[in-house]
Full PDB file with SEQRES, HELIX, SHEET, SSBOND, CRYST1, ORIGX, SCALE, CONECT and MASTER records, all heavy atoms in Angstrom:
SEQRES   1 A   34  MET ALA ASN LYS PHE VAL ALA VAL PHE LEU MET CYS ILE          
SEQRES   2 A   34  VAL VAL VAL ALA ALA PHE SER LEU GLN GLU ALA LYS ALA          
SEQRES   3 A   34  ALA GLU GLU ASP ASN PHE LYS GLU                              
HELIX    1 AA1 ALA A    2  LYS A   33  1                                  32    
CRYST1    1.000    1.000    1.000  90.00  90.00  90.00 P 1           1          
ORIGX1      1.000000  0.000000  0.000000        0.00000                         
ORIGX2      0.000000  1.000000  0.000000        0.00000                         
ORIGX3      0.000000  0.000000  1.000000        0.00000                         
SCALE1      1.000000  0.000000  0.000000        0.00000                         
SCALE2      0.000000  1.000000  0.000000        0.00000                         
SCALE3      0.000000  0.000000  1.000000        0.00000                         
ATOM      1  N   MET A   1     121.168  75.336  89.842  1.00  0.00           N  
ATOM      2  CA  MET A   1     122.034  75.540  90.986  1.00  0.00           C  
ATOM      3  C   MET A   1     122.193  77.030  91.280  1.00  0.00           C  
ATOM      4  O   MET A   1     122.179  77.442  92.430  1.00  0.00           O  
ATOM      5  CB  MET A   1     123.389  74.876  90.687  1.00  0.00           C  
ATOM      6  CG  MET A   1     124.391  75.035  91.773  1.00  0.00           C  
ATOM      7  SD  MET A   1     123.932  74.016  93.172  1.00  0.00           S  
ATOM      8  CE  MET A   1     125.281  74.306  94.233  1.00  0.00           C  
ATOM      9  N   ALA A   2     122.346  77.815  90.232  1.00  0.00           N  
ATOM     10  CA  ALA A   2     122.526  79.256  90.419  1.00  0.00           C  
ATOM     11  C   ALA A   2     121.261  79.890  91.001  1.00  0.00           C  
ATOM     12  O   ALA A   2     121.352  80.816  91.809  1.00  0.00           O  
ATOM     13  CB  ALA A   2     122.892  79.916  89.093  1.00  0.00           C  
ATOM     14  N   ASN A   3     120.103  79.394  90.599  1.00  0.00           N  
ATOM     15  CA  ASN A   3     118.846  79.937  91.121  1.00  0.00           C  
ATOM     16  C   ASN A   3     118.715  79.696  92.618  1.00  0.00           C  
ATOM     17  O   ASN A   3     118.235  80.562  93.358  1.00  0.00           O  
ATOM     18  CB  ASN A   3     117.647  79.309  90.406  1.00  0.00           C  
ATOM     19  CG  ASN A   3     117.523  79.807  88.973  1.00  0.00           C  
ATOM     20  OD1 ASN A   3     118.070  80.850  88.625  1.00  0.00           O  
ATOM     21  ND2 ASN A   3     116.812  79.057  88.152  1.00  0.00           N  
ATOM     22  N   LYS A   4     119.141  78.528  93.079  1.00  0.00           N  
ATOM     23  CA  LYS A   4     119.086  78.219  94.514  1.00  0.00           C  
ATOM     24  C   LYS A   4     120.027  79.136  95.290  1.00  0.00           C  
ATOM     25  O   LYS A   4     119.710  79.597  96.385  1.00  0.00           O  
ATOM     26  CB  LYS A   4     119.458  76.761  94.764  1.00  0.00           C  
ATOM     27  CG  LYS A   4     118.405  75.785  94.300  1.00  0.00           C  
ATOM     28  CD  LYS A   4     118.812  74.366  94.614  1.00  0.00           C  
ATOM     29  CE  LYS A   4     117.760  73.396  94.094  1.00  0.00           C  
ATOM     30  NZ  LYS A   4     118.146  72.015  94.351  1.00  0.00           N  
ATOM     31  N   PHE A   5     121.205  79.381  94.734  1.00  0.00           N  
ATOM     32  CA  PHE A   5     122.177  80.257  95.388  1.00  0.00           C  
ATOM     33  C   PHE A   5     121.616  81.671  95.522  1.00  0.00           C  
ATOM     34  O   PHE A   5     121.724  82.289  96.582  1.00  0.00           O  
ATOM     35  CB  PHE A   5     123.489  80.282  94.585  1.00  0.00           C  
ATOM     36  CG  PHE A   5     124.522  81.193  95.168  1.00  0.00           C  
ATOM     37  CD1 PHE A   5     125.202  80.841  96.322  1.00  0.00           C  
ATOM     38  CD2 PHE A   5     124.803  82.417  94.581  1.00  0.00           C  
ATOM     39  CE1 PHE A   5     126.146  81.674  96.872  1.00  0.00           C  
ATOM     40  CE2 PHE A   5     125.737  83.268  95.121  1.00  0.00           C  
ATOM     41  CZ  PHE A   5     126.423  82.893  96.275  1.00  0.00           C  
ATOM     42  N   VAL A   6     121.008  82.167  94.478  1.00  0.00           N  
ATOM     43  CA  VAL A   6     120.411  83.505  94.506  1.00  0.00           C  
ATOM     44  C   VAL A   6     119.273  83.553  95.519  1.00  0.00           C  
ATOM     45  O   VAL A   6     119.146  84.515  96.285  1.00  0.00           O  
ATOM     46  CB  VAL A   6     119.914  83.913  93.096  1.00  0.00           C  
ATOM     47  CG1 VAL A   6     119.090  85.184  93.161  1.00  0.00           C  
ATOM     48  CG2 VAL A   6     121.089  84.085  92.146  1.00  0.00           C  
ATOM     49  N   ALA A   7     118.458  82.521  95.563  1.00  0.00           N  
ATOM     50  CA  ALA A   7     117.339  82.479  96.504  1.00  0.00           C  
ATOM     51  C   ALA A   7     117.841  82.482  97.948  1.00  0.00           C  
ATOM     52  O   ALA A   7     117.312  83.208  98.800  1.00  0.00           O  
ATOM     53  CB  ALA A   7     116.470  81.258  96.246  1.00  0.00           C  
ATOM     54  N   VAL A   8     118.844  81.702  98.247  1.00  0.00           N  
ATOM     55  CA  VAL A   8     119.414  81.655  99.595  1.00  0.00           C  
ATOM     56  C   VAL A   8     120.040  83.004  99.946  1.00  0.00           C  
ATOM     57  O   VAL A   8     119.874  83.503 101.064  1.00  0.00           O  
ATOM     58  CB  VAL A   8     120.449  80.515  99.716  1.00  0.00           C  
ATOM     59  CG1 VAL A   8     121.224  80.602 101.018  1.00  0.00           C  
ATOM     60  CG2 VAL A   8     119.758  79.162  99.606  1.00  0.00           C  
ATOM     61  N   PHE A   9     120.737  83.606  99.022  1.00  0.00           N  
ATOM     62  CA  PHE A   9     121.356  84.908  99.241  1.00  0.00           C  
ATOM     63  C   PHE A   9     120.299  85.968  99.562  1.00  0.00           C  
ATOM     64  O   PHE A   9     120.453  86.757 100.499  1.00  0.00           O  
ATOM     65  CB  PHE A   9     122.176  85.311  98.012  1.00  0.00           C  
ATOM     66  CG  PHE A   9     122.871  86.620  98.155  1.00  0.00           C  
ATOM     67  CD1 PHE A   9     123.968  86.752  99.000  1.00  0.00           C  
ATOM     68  CD2 PHE A   9     122.446  87.733  97.447  1.00  0.00           C  
ATOM     69  CE1 PHE A   9     124.620  87.962  99.143  1.00  0.00           C  
ATOM     70  CE2 PHE A   9     123.084  88.954  97.578  1.00  0.00           C  
ATOM     71  CZ  PHE A   9     124.171  89.064  98.430  1.00  0.00           C  
ATOM     72  N   LEU A  10     119.230  85.983  98.808  1.00  0.00           N  
ATOM     73  CA  LEU A  10     118.158  86.947  99.047  1.00  0.00           C  
ATOM     74  C   LEU A  10     117.489  86.719 100.404  1.00  0.00           C  
ATOM     75  O   LEU A  10     117.151  87.672 101.105  1.00  0.00           O  
ATOM     76  CB  LEU A  10     117.125  86.897  97.926  1.00  0.00           C  
ATOM     77  CG  LEU A  10     117.595  87.429  96.571  1.00  0.00           C  
ATOM     78  CD1 LEU A  10     116.521  87.211  95.517  1.00  0.00           C  
ATOM     79  CD2 LEU A  10     117.971  88.891  96.662  1.00  0.00           C  
ATOM     80  N   MET A  11     117.293  85.484 100.786  1.00  0.00           N  
ATOM     81  CA  MET A  11     116.708  85.187 102.097  1.00  0.00           C  
ATOM     82  C   MET A  11     117.619  85.675 103.217  1.00  0.00           C  
ATOM     83  O   MET A  11     117.145  86.198 104.232  1.00  0.00           O  
ATOM     84  CB  MET A  11     116.450  83.683 102.242  1.00  0.00           C  
ATOM     85  CG  MET A  11     115.297  83.196 101.404  1.00  0.00           C  
ATOM     86  SD  MET A  11     113.738  84.006 101.806  1.00  0.00           S  
ATOM     87  CE  MET A  11     113.471  83.430 103.456  1.00  0.00           C  
ATOM     88  N   CYS A  12     118.916  85.512 103.045  1.00  0.00           N  
ATOM     89  CA  CYS A  12     119.863  86.006 104.054  1.00  0.00           C  
ATOM     90  C   CYS A  12     119.762  87.524 104.187  1.00  0.00           C  
ATOM     91  O   CYS A  12     119.798  88.055 105.307  1.00  0.00           O  
ATOM     92  CB  CYS A  12     121.287  85.597 103.699  1.00  0.00           C  
ATOM     93  SG  CYS A  12     121.580  83.831 103.876  1.00  0.00           S  
ATOM     94  N   ILE A  13     119.639  88.207 103.082  1.00  0.00           N  
ATOM     95  CA  ILE A  13     119.516  89.660 103.105  1.00  0.00           C  
ATOM     96  C   ILE A  13     118.244  90.070 103.850  1.00  0.00           C  
ATOM     97  O   ILE A  13     118.256  90.991 104.668  1.00  0.00           O  
ATOM     98  CB  ILE A  13     119.527  90.241 101.678  1.00  0.00           C  
ATOM     99  CG1 ILE A  13     120.924  90.097 101.076  1.00  0.00           C  
ATOM    100  CG2 ILE A  13     119.096  91.701 101.676  1.00  0.00           C  
ATOM    101  CD1 ILE A  13     121.017  90.501  99.626  1.00  0.00           C  
ATOM    102  N   VAL A  14     117.152  89.381 103.602  1.00  0.00           N  
ATOM    103  CA  VAL A  14     115.879  89.688 104.268  1.00  0.00           C  
ATOM    104  C   VAL A  14     115.998  89.472 105.774  1.00  0.00           C  
ATOM    105  O   VAL A  14     115.542  90.294 106.573  1.00  0.00           O  
ATOM    106  CB  VAL A  14     114.735  88.841 103.672  1.00  0.00           C  
ATOM    107  CG1 VAL A  14     113.479  88.938 104.511  1.00  0.00           C  
ATOM    108  CG2 VAL A  14     114.463  89.265 102.239  1.00  0.00           C  
ATOM    109  N   VAL A  15     116.618  88.376 106.183  1.00  0.00           N  
ATOM    110  CA  VAL A  15     116.775  88.079 107.617  1.00  0.00           C  
ATOM    111  C   VAL A  15     117.643  89.138 108.296  1.00  0.00           C  
ATOM    112  O   VAL A  15     117.305  89.627 109.373  1.00  0.00           O  
ATOM    113  CB  VAL A  15     117.352  86.658 107.813  1.00  0.00           C  
ATOM    114  CG1 VAL A  15     117.761  86.426 109.253  1.00  0.00           C  
ATOM    115  CG2 VAL A  15     116.342  85.610 107.369  1.00  0.00           C  
ATOM    116  N   VAL A  16     118.739  89.512 107.688  1.00  0.00           N  
ATOM    117  CA  VAL A  16     119.620  90.531 108.265  1.00  0.00           C  
ATOM    118  C   VAL A  16     118.895  91.871 108.369  1.00  0.00           C  
ATOM    119  O   VAL A  16     118.990  92.565 109.383  1.00  0.00           O  
ATOM    120  CB  VAL A  16     120.920  90.665 107.430  1.00  0.00           C  
ATOM    121  CG1 VAL A  16     121.715  91.888 107.841  1.00  0.00           C  
ATOM    122  CG2 VAL A  16     121.756  89.407 107.569  1.00  0.00           C  
ATOM    123  N   ALA A  17     118.144  92.229 107.360  1.00  0.00           N  
ATOM    124  CA  ALA A  17     117.387  93.485 107.386  1.00  0.00           C  
ATOM    125  C   ALA A  17     116.343  93.462 108.498  1.00  0.00           C  
ATOM    126  O   ALA A  17     116.149  94.456 109.196  1.00  0.00           O  
ATOM    127  CB  ALA A  17     116.728  93.730 106.037  1.00  0.00           C  
ATOM    128  N   ALA A  18     115.686  92.342 108.686  1.00  0.00           N  
ATOM    129  CA  ALA A  18     114.658  92.232 109.733  1.00  0.00           C  
ATOM    130  C   ALA A  18     115.271  92.408 111.114  1.00  0.00           C  
ATOM    131  O   ALA A  18     114.716  93.109 111.967  1.00  0.00           O  
ATOM    132  CB  ALA A  18     113.951  90.890 109.628  1.00  0.00           C  
ATOM    133  N   PHE A  19     116.413  91.799 111.359  1.00  0.00           N  
ATOM    134  CA  PHE A  19     117.060  91.949 112.657  1.00  0.00           C  
ATOM    135  C   PHE A  19     117.559  93.369 112.868  1.00  0.00           C  
ATOM    136  O   PHE A  19     117.517  93.891 113.989  1.00  0.00           O  
ATOM    137  CB  PHE A  19     118.213  90.950 112.819  1.00  0.00           C  
ATOM    138  CG  PHE A  19     117.757  89.566 113.160  1.00  0.00           C  
ATOM    139  CD1 PHE A  19     117.987  88.518 112.306  1.00  0.00           C  
ATOM    140  CD2 PHE A  19     117.075  89.313 114.349  1.00  0.00           C  
ATOM    141  CE1 PHE A  19     117.563  87.236 112.615  1.00  0.00           C  
ATOM    142  CE2 PHE A  19     116.645  88.037 114.671  1.00  0.00           C  
ATOM    143  CZ  PHE A  19     116.891  86.995 113.801  1.00  0.00           C  
ATOM    144  N   SER A  20     118.022  94.019 111.835  1.00  0.00           N  
ATOM    145  CA  SER A  20     118.486  95.403 111.953  1.00  0.00           C  
ATOM    146  C   SER A  20     117.337  96.331 112.328  1.00  0.00           C  
ATOM    147  O   SER A  20     117.498  97.230 113.147  1.00  0.00           O  
ATOM    148  CB  SER A  20     119.117  95.872 110.643  1.00  0.00           C  
ATOM    149  OG  SER A  20     120.257  95.116 110.355  1.00  0.00           O  
ATOM    150  N   LEU A  21     116.178  96.120 111.742  1.00  0.00           N  
ATOM    151  CA  LEU A  21     115.012  96.945 112.054  1.00  0.00           C  
ATOM    152  C   LEU A  21     114.565  96.730 113.493  1.00  0.00           C  
ATOM    153  O   LEU A  21     114.170  97.681 114.168  1.00  0.00           O  
ATOM    154  CB  LEU A  21     113.872  96.636 111.098  1.00  0.00           C  
ATOM    155  CG  LEU A  21     114.070  97.094 109.661  1.00  0.00           C  
ATOM    156  CD1 LEU A  21     112.909  96.606 108.792  1.00  0.00           C  
ATOM    157  CD2 LEU A  21     114.174  98.601 109.587  1.00  0.00           C  
ATOM    158  N   GLN A  22     114.625  95.497 113.990  1.00  0.00           N  
ATOM    159  CA  GLN A  22     114.228  95.220 115.359  1.00  0.00           C  
ATOM    160  C   GLN A  22     115.156  95.910 116.347  1.00  0.00           C  
ATOM    161  O   GLN A  22     114.724  96.432 117.365  1.00  0.00           O  
ATOM    162  CB  GLN A  22     114.217  93.718 115.619  1.00  0.00           C  
ATOM    163  CG  GLN A  22     113.047  93.011 114.959  1.00  0.00           C  
ATOM    164  CD  GLN A  22     113.065  91.523 115.197  1.00  0.00           C  
ATOM    165  OE1 GLN A  22     114.034  90.976 115.694  1.00  0.00           O  
ATOM    166  NE2 GLN A  22     111.983  90.863 114.823  1.00  0.00           N  
ATOM    167  N   GLU A  23     116.462  95.921 116.075  1.00  0.00           N  
ATOM    168  CA  GLU A  23     117.416  96.582 116.954  1.00  0.00           C  
ATOM    169  C   GLU A  23     117.187  98.081 116.969  1.00  0.00           C  
ATOM    170  O   GLU A  23     117.259  98.721 118.015  1.00  0.00           O  
ATOM    171  CB  GLU A  23     118.846  96.263 116.522  1.00  0.00           C  
ATOM    172  CG  GLU A  23     119.253  94.837 116.786  1.00  0.00           C  
ATOM    173  CD  GLU A  23     120.639  94.520 116.272  1.00  0.00           C  
ATOM    174  OE1 GLU A  23     121.374  95.453 115.899  1.00  0.00           O  
ATOM    175  OE2 GLU A  23     120.983  93.330 116.245  1.00  0.00           O  
ATOM    176  N   ALA A  24     116.901  98.673 115.833  1.00  0.00           N  
ATOM    177  CA  ALA A  24     116.640 100.105 115.768  1.00  0.00           C  
ATOM    178  C   ALA A  24     115.376 100.453 116.531  1.00  0.00           C  
ATOM    179  O   ALA A  24     115.321 101.453 117.247  1.00  0.00           O  
ATOM    180  CB  ALA A  24     116.526 100.555 114.307  1.00  0.00           C  
ATOM    181  N   LYS A  25     114.359  99.631 116.402  1.00  0.00           N  
ATOM    182  CA  LYS A  25     113.094  99.861 117.112  1.00  0.00           C  
ATOM    183  C   LYS A  25     113.304  99.753 118.619  1.00  0.00           C  
ATOM    184  O   LYS A  25     112.759 100.545 119.386  1.00  0.00           O  
ATOM    185  CB  LYS A  25     112.048  98.856 116.634  1.00  0.00           C  
ATOM    186  CG  LYS A  25     110.707  98.994 117.267  1.00  0.00           C  
ATOM    187  CD  LYS A  25     110.002 100.238 116.801  1.00  0.00           C  
ATOM    188  CE  LYS A  25     108.590 100.268 117.323  1.00  0.00           C  
ATOM    189  NZ  LYS A  25     107.967 101.539 117.112  1.00  0.00           N  
ATOM    190  N   ALA A  26     114.092  98.786 119.057  1.00  0.00           N  
ATOM    191  CA  ALA A  26     114.364  98.621 120.487  1.00  0.00           C  
ATOM    192  C   ALA A  26     115.102  99.833 121.043  1.00  0.00           C  
ATOM    193  O   ALA A  26     114.829 100.279 122.157  1.00  0.00           O  
ATOM    194  CB  ALA A  26     115.175  97.350 120.727  1.00  0.00           C  
ATOM    195  N   ALA A  27     116.028 100.389 120.275  1.00  0.00           N  
ATOM    196  CA  ALA A  27     116.759 101.572 120.731  1.00  0.00           C  
ATOM    197  C   ALA A  27     115.819 102.764 120.876  1.00  0.00           C  
ATOM    198  O   ALA A  27     115.926 103.538 121.830  1.00  0.00           O  
ATOM    199  CB  ALA A  27     117.885 101.899 119.762  1.00  0.00           C  
ATOM    200  N   GLU A  28     114.873 102.917 119.947  1.00  0.00           N  
ATOM    201  CA  GLU A  28     113.907 104.010 120.045  1.00  0.00           C  
ATOM    202  C   GLU A  28     113.024 103.846 121.272  1.00  0.00           C  
ATOM    203  O   GLU A  28     112.730 104.815 121.963  1.00  0.00           O  
ATOM    204  CB  GLU A  28     113.025 104.043 118.796  1.00  0.00           C  
ATOM    205  CG  GLU A  28     113.710 104.528 117.566  1.00  0.00           C  
ATOM    206  CD  GLU A  28     112.813 104.477 116.346  1.00  0.00           C  
ATOM    207  OE1 GLU A  28     111.597 104.282 116.501  1.00  0.00           O  
ATOM    208  OE2 GLU A  28     113.340 104.626 115.240  1.00  0.00           O  
ATOM    209  N   GLU A  29     112.597 102.618 121.544  1.00  0.00           N  
ATOM    210  CA  GLU A  29     111.746 102.364 122.700  1.00  0.00           C  
ATOM    211  C   GLU A  29     112.481 102.659 123.996  1.00  0.00           C  
ATOM    212  O   GLU A  29     111.885 103.167 124.942  1.00  0.00           O  
ATOM    213  CB  GLU A  29     111.240 100.924 122.674  1.00  0.00           C  
ATOM    214  CG  GLU A  29     110.226 100.661 121.585  1.00  0.00           C  
ATOM    215  CD  GLU A  29     109.815  99.206 121.475  1.00  0.00           C  
ATOM    216  OE1 GLU A  29     110.329  98.372 122.246  1.00  0.00           O  
ATOM    217  OE2 GLU A  29     108.990  98.908 120.612  1.00  0.00           O  
ATOM    218  N   ASP A  30     113.783 102.344 124.053  1.00  0.00           N  
ATOM    219  CA  ASP A  30     114.570 102.629 125.251  1.00  0.00           C  
ATOM    220  C   ASP A  30     114.647 104.124 125.501  1.00  0.00           C  
ATOM    221  O   ASP A  30     114.524 104.570 126.643  1.00  0.00           O  
ATOM    222  CB  ASP A  30     115.977 102.041 125.132  1.00  0.00           C  
ATOM    223  CG  ASP A  30     115.981 100.521 125.221  1.00  0.00           C  
ATOM    224  OD1 ASP A  30     114.983  99.947 125.698  1.00  0.00           O  
ATOM    225  OD2 ASP A  30     116.992  99.916 124.811  1.00  0.00           O  
ATOM    226  N   ASN A  31     114.849 104.912 124.444  1.00  0.00           N  
ATOM    227  CA  ASN A  31     114.917 106.364 124.594  1.00  0.00           C  
ATOM    228  C   ASN A  31     113.587 106.920 125.075  1.00  0.00           C  
ATOM    229  O   ASN A  31     113.542 107.777 125.959  1.00  0.00           O  
ATOM    230  CB  ASN A  31     115.304 107.027 123.272  1.00  0.00           C  
ATOM    231  CG  ASN A  31     116.738 106.761 122.899  1.00  0.00           C  
ATOM    232  OD1 ASN A  31     117.559 106.421 123.736  1.00  0.00           O  
ATOM    233  ND2 ASN A  31     117.043 106.894 121.626  1.00  0.00           N  
ATOM    234  N   PHE A  32     112.503 106.445 124.499  1.00  0.00           N  
ATOM    235  CA  PHE A  32     111.175 106.907 124.909  1.00  0.00           C  
ATOM    236  C   PHE A  32     110.898 106.518 126.350  1.00  0.00           C  
ATOM    237  O   PHE A  32     110.412 107.328 127.138  1.00  0.00           O  
ATOM    238  CB  PHE A  32     110.097 106.319 123.992  1.00  0.00           C  
ATOM    239  CG  PHE A  32     108.708 106.750 124.377  1.00  0.00           C  
ATOM    240  CD1 PHE A  32     108.209 107.963 123.948  1.00  0.00           C  
ATOM    241  CD2 PHE A  32     107.916 105.953 125.187  1.00  0.00           C  
ATOM    242  CE1 PHE A  32     106.940 108.379 124.319  1.00  0.00           C  
ATOM    243  CE2 PHE A  32     106.651 106.351 125.557  1.00  0.00           C  
ATOM    244  CZ  PHE A  32     106.157 107.574 125.123  1.00  0.00           C  
ATOM    245  N   LYS A  33     111.224 105.295 126.710  1.00  0.00           N  
ATOM    246  CA  LYS A  33     110.963 104.813 128.068  1.00  0.00           C  
ATOM    247  C   LYS A  33     111.741 105.617 129.101  1.00  0.00           C  
ATOM    248  O   LYS A  33     111.201 105.978 130.149  1.00  0.00           O  
ATOM    249  CB  LYS A  33     111.331 103.331 128.156  1.00  0.00           C  
ATOM    250  CG  LYS A  33     110.956 102.674 129.456  1.00  0.00           C  
ATOM    251  CD  LYS A  33     111.242 101.193 129.415  1.00  0.00           C  
ATOM    252  CE  LYS A  33     110.826 100.509 130.692  1.00  0.00           C  
ATOM    253  NZ  LYS A  33     111.085  99.068 130.654  1.00  0.00           N  
ATOM    254  N   GLU A  34     112.997 105.910 128.794  1.00  0.00           N  
ATOM    255  CA  GLU A  34     113.817 106.706 129.713  1.00  0.00           C  
ATOM    256  C   GLU A  34     113.243 108.110 129.868  1.00  0.00           C  
ATOM    257  O   GLU A  34     113.116 108.621 130.984  1.00  0.00           O  
ATOM    258  CB  GLU A  34     115.252 106.775 129.194  1.00  0.00           C  
ATOM    259  CG  GLU A  34     116.193 107.516 130.108  1.00  0.00           C  
ATOM    260  CD  GLU A  34     117.617 107.540 129.579  1.00  0.00           C  
ATOM    261  OE1 GLU A  34     117.980 106.652 128.786  1.00  0.00           O  
ATOM    262  OE2 GLU A  34     118.356 108.458 129.962  1.00  0.00           O  
TER     263      GLU A  34                                                      
MASTER        0    0    0    1    0    0    0    6  262    1    0    3          
END                                                                             
């Protein structure tokens, strides 16, 4: 049970990190485009 909890927690961290990187990249593209 503990292993599943750790696995789910790590997946959540990966998903949040991926979305954060996409937002940062979009902000850079907006600055360049402007």
